[in-house]
Protein backbone atom coordinates (compact mmCIF):
# COMPACT_ATOMS: atom_id res chain seq x y z
CA MET A 1 -31.64 8.83 26.97
CA GLY A 2 -32.75 7.98 23.46
CA MET A 3 -35.60 9.67 22.20
CA PRO A 4 -38.68 8.19 20.39
CA GLU A 5 -38.88 8.86 16.73
CA VAL A 6 -40.06 12.62 15.63
CA ARG A 7 -43.17 12.46 13.69
CA ILE A 8 -42.69 14.79 10.70
CA GLU A 9 -45.92 15.05 9.67
CA ASP A 10 -46.48 17.10 13.00
CA TYR A 11 -44.22 19.67 12.00
CA LEU A 12 -44.29 19.95 7.76
CA GLY A 13 -46.20 22.94 6.68
CA ARG A 14 -46.24 24.55 10.45
CA LYS A 15 -44.14 26.99 12.14
CA THR A 16 -42.74 25.89 15.61
CA LEU A 17 -41.15 27.52 18.07
CA ILE A 18 -39.49 25.34 20.60
CA LEU A 19 -38.49 27.14 23.68
CA GLY A 20 -36.97 26.04 27.38
CA ASP A 21 -34.55 26.40 29.68
CA VAL A 22 -30.85 24.82 29.65
CA ASN A 23 -30.85 21.30 29.01
CA THR A 24 -34.46 20.75 28.13
CA GLY A 25 -34.06 18.93 24.96
CA LYS A 26 -34.66 22.20 22.20
CA THR A 27 -31.72 21.11 20.17
CA THR A 28 -32.06 17.33 20.70
CA LEU A 29 -35.87 17.49 19.44
CA SER A 30 -34.50 19.87 16.67
CA ARG A 31 -31.92 17.38 15.20
CA GLY A 32 -34.30 14.68 15.23
CA LEU A 33 -36.71 16.14 13.31
CA LEU A 34 -34.02 17.43 10.82
CA GLU A 35 -32.81 14.04 10.59
CA ALA A 36 -36.18 12.50 10.01
CA LEU A 37 -36.73 15.07 7.13
CA CYS A 38 -33.52 13.83 5.71
CA ARG A 39 -34.21 10.06 6.03
CA GLN A 40 -37.51 10.96 4.15
CA GLY A 41 -35.64 12.81 1.24
CA PHE A 42 -36.64 16.48 2.36
CA GLY A 43 -32.62 17.54 3.02
CA GLY A 44 -32.59 19.45 -0.50
CA ARG A 45 -35.52 21.48 0.48
CA THR A 46 -33.92 22.05 4.10
CA ALA A 47 -31.90 25.07 5.33
CA VAL A 48 -30.21 25.20 8.78
CA VAL A 49 -29.23 28.80 10.11
CA ASP A 50 -27.08 27.67 13.33
CA MET A 51 -26.65 30.19 15.81
CA ALA A 52 -25.35 28.12 18.43
CA PRO A 53 -22.34 29.43 20.33
CA GLU A 54 -19.11 27.69 20.63
CA ILE A 55 -19.42 26.62 24.40
CA PRO A 56 -16.24 24.70 25.83
CA GLU A 57 -17.22 21.70 27.88
CA THR A 58 -14.92 22.88 30.66
CA LEU A 59 -16.55 26.26 30.28
CA ALA A 60 -20.06 24.74 30.61
CA ARG A 61 -19.11 22.71 33.69
CA ALA A 62 -17.64 25.35 35.46
CA ARG A 63 -21.05 27.23 35.09
CA GLY A 64 -22.94 24.25 35.88
CA ILE A 65 -24.49 23.36 32.90
CA PRO A 66 -22.70 20.88 31.22
CA GLY A 67 -24.21 19.83 27.94
CA ALA A 68 -25.53 23.04 27.35
CA GLY A 69 -25.99 24.10 23.70
CA GLY A 70 -24.87 22.25 20.65
CA ARG A 71 -24.79 22.80 16.84
CA LEU A 72 -27.42 21.44 14.53
CA ILE A 73 -25.29 19.81 12.07
CA PRO A 74 -27.36 17.99 9.24
CA PRO A 75 -26.44 14.45 8.07
CA GLU A 76 -23.70 14.32 5.44
CA GLY A 77 -24.72 14.01 1.90
CA CYS A 78 -28.20 15.01 2.38
CA GLY A 79 -28.26 18.27 0.59
CA VAL A 80 -29.53 20.63 3.56
CA LEU A 81 -27.87 23.97 3.08
CA TYR A 82 -26.14 24.38 6.43
CA LEU A 83 -25.18 28.44 7.63
CA GLY A 84 -23.12 28.56 10.24
CA GLY A 85 -20.02 30.82 11.79
CA TRP A 86 -18.10 31.24 14.75
CA LEU A 87 -20.31 32.77 17.69
CA GLU A 88 -19.34 33.32 21.40
CA PRO A 89 -21.78 32.65 24.53
CA PRO A 90 -21.69 36.28 25.93
CA ARG A 91 -23.44 35.30 29.40
CA LEU A 92 -20.88 32.66 29.85
CA SER A 93 -17.70 33.99 28.63
CA SER A 94 -17.89 37.57 29.81
CA ASN A 95 -16.30 39.22 33.28
CA SER A 96 -18.83 42.33 32.96
CA GLU A 97 -22.32 43.29 31.17
CA GLU A 98 -20.09 45.53 28.94
CA GLU A 99 -18.03 43.00 27.81
CA ALA A 100 -21.04 40.34 27.16
CA MET A 101 -22.93 43.24 24.95
CA GLN A 102 -20.25 43.63 22.62
CA LYS A 103 -19.85 40.07 22.20
CA ALA A 104 -23.68 40.06 21.40
CA ARG A 105 -23.26 42.91 18.94
CA ARG A 106 -20.52 40.69 17.28
CA ASN A 107 -22.64 38.15 17.24
CA ARG A 108 -25.65 39.66 15.69
CA ARG A 109 -23.19 40.99 12.59
CA GLU A 110 -21.93 37.23 12.03
CA ILE A 111 -25.60 36.10 12.26
CA GLU A 112 -26.94 38.90 9.85
CA GLY A 113 -24.11 37.64 7.25
CA LEU A 114 -25.99 33.85 7.55
CA LEU A 115 -29.31 35.57 7.00
CA ARG A 116 -28.14 37.46 3.83
CA ARG A 117 -26.77 34.14 3.04
CA LEU A 118 -30.07 32.66 3.26
CA ASP A 119 -31.72 35.19 1.13
CA LEU A 120 -29.83 34.40 -1.85
CA GLU A 121 -30.61 30.38 -1.45
CA PRO A 122 -34.16 30.12 0.24
CA ARG A 123 -35.37 26.58 1.01
CA GLU A 124 -38.97 25.88 1.99
CA ILE A 125 -37.92 24.24 5.12
CA LEU A 126 -36.07 26.42 7.59
CA PHE A 127 -34.44 25.46 10.74
CA ILE A 128 -33.13 28.00 13.31
CA ASN A 129 -30.86 26.80 16.23
CA ASP A 130 -30.41 28.82 19.06
CA VAL A 131 -32.51 32.34 17.67
CA SER A 132 -31.60 33.42 21.31
CA LEU A 133 -28.08 34.36 20.64
CA TYR A 134 -29.51 36.80 17.86
CA LEU A 135 -32.33 38.40 20.02
CA GLN A 136 -29.56 39.61 22.45
CA ALA A 137 -28.74 42.50 20.22
CA GLY A 138 -31.06 42.12 17.14
CA GLY A 139 -34.39 42.47 16.70
CA ALA A 140 -37.19 40.03 16.03
CA ASP A 141 -38.30 42.15 12.95
CA ALA A 142 -35.34 41.10 11.23
CA LEU A 143 -36.20 37.53 11.37
CA MET A 144 -39.89 37.32 10.55
CA PRO A 145 -39.45 37.96 6.70
CA ARG A 146 -37.35 34.89 6.71
CA ILE A 147 -39.97 33.11 8.90
CA GLU A 148 -42.94 34.15 6.77
CA ARG A 149 -41.11 33.26 3.50
CA ALA A 150 -40.66 29.46 4.54
CA ASP A 151 -43.45 26.83 4.34
CA THR A 152 -42.14 24.89 7.39
CA VAL A 153 -40.19 26.51 10.19
CA VAL A 154 -38.90 24.91 13.59
CA ALA A 155 -36.83 27.37 15.65
CA ASN A 156 -35.81 27.10 19.22
CA GLY A 157 -34.35 29.16 21.64
CA TYR A 158 -33.58 29.74 25.57
CA TRP A 159 -36.70 30.70 27.83
CA GLY A 160 -35.50 30.45 31.36
CA GLU A 161 -33.96 31.51 34.16
CA ARG A 162 -30.57 29.44 34.82
CA LEU A 163 -28.63 31.69 33.03
CA GLY A 164 -29.43 34.91 35.09
CA GLY A 165 -30.57 38.48 34.23
CA GLY A 166 -29.00 41.45 33.37
CA LEU A 167 -29.05 43.80 30.35
CA LEU A 168 -28.32 41.14 27.73
CA SER A 169 -31.04 38.59 29.18
CA GLY A 170 -33.55 41.53 29.14
CA CYS A 171 -33.06 42.60 25.58
CA GLU A 172 -33.15 38.96 24.68
CA ARG A 173 -36.37 37.95 26.69
CA SER A 174 -38.19 40.91 25.62
CA GLU A 175 -37.34 40.31 21.60
CA MET A 176 -38.21 36.48 22.10
CA GLN A 177 -41.73 37.40 23.66
CA ARG A 178 -42.08 39.53 20.46
CA LEU A 179 -40.84 36.17 18.15
CA ARG A 180 -43.08 34.27 20.44
CA GLY A 181 -46.32 36.14 19.52
CA CYS A 182 -45.39 36.04 15.46
CA PHE A 183 -45.05 32.31 15.68
CA ASP A 184 -48.21 32.16 17.88
CA ARG A 185 -50.11 34.05 15.24
CA MET A 186 -48.54 31.82 12.32
CA GLY A 187 -47.96 28.61 14.04
CA ARG A 188 -47.41 27.47 17.52
CA THR A 189 -45.00 27.62 20.46
CA LEU A 190 -43.99 24.45 22.36
CA ILE A 191 -42.33 25.11 25.76
CA LEU A 192 -40.10 22.10 26.80
CA GLU A 193 -39.90 21.73 30.87
CA GLY A 194 -37.48 18.87 32.11
CA PRO A 195 -35.43 16.31 30.69
CA PRO A 196 -35.06 15.96 27.03
CA VAL A 197 -38.40 14.37 25.37
CA ALA A 198 -39.50 13.80 21.81
CA ASP A 199 -43.01 15.44 21.73
CA HIS A 200 -45.19 17.81 23.83
């Protein structure tokens, strides 16, 4: 299903948190906006911190969520600072809560390395893809200074029921509520529901 063109003027100079359940179009919307910014020459002013995990399609299908997740890769040659690493999907790939939390802590350490690299090369436009992965074992407080520093922020994350509960999900939801409060004070939160759409 194609998406209408994203209006970058609705996002430039604002801090926007995009939330939704699995397969509601969070990454699709973010990608459309990133590509639109690059087409208009903003690539060199943009950084992407990509926290999306590697989810094998066979695993996603086995868990009943084909097409879940996805990296936010910028177009080639547009000058975007892309910061990504190898991250695991703790809920989907673990056989116990303890194993999931161990993976979440490893992910947090990897992501903190990406954030330190961002601090060395800050950009005025910041994308954070799948921020939920950090919040499973990390705190919203670590993200807020980076969000405050950028003029434009587009972050997306999981907010739903399809991936189940447990300790990890409880930590993630609690910290996401805190992050959402930050965005509500400084900008806005968009909740996506249903199949991917372009604007809400």
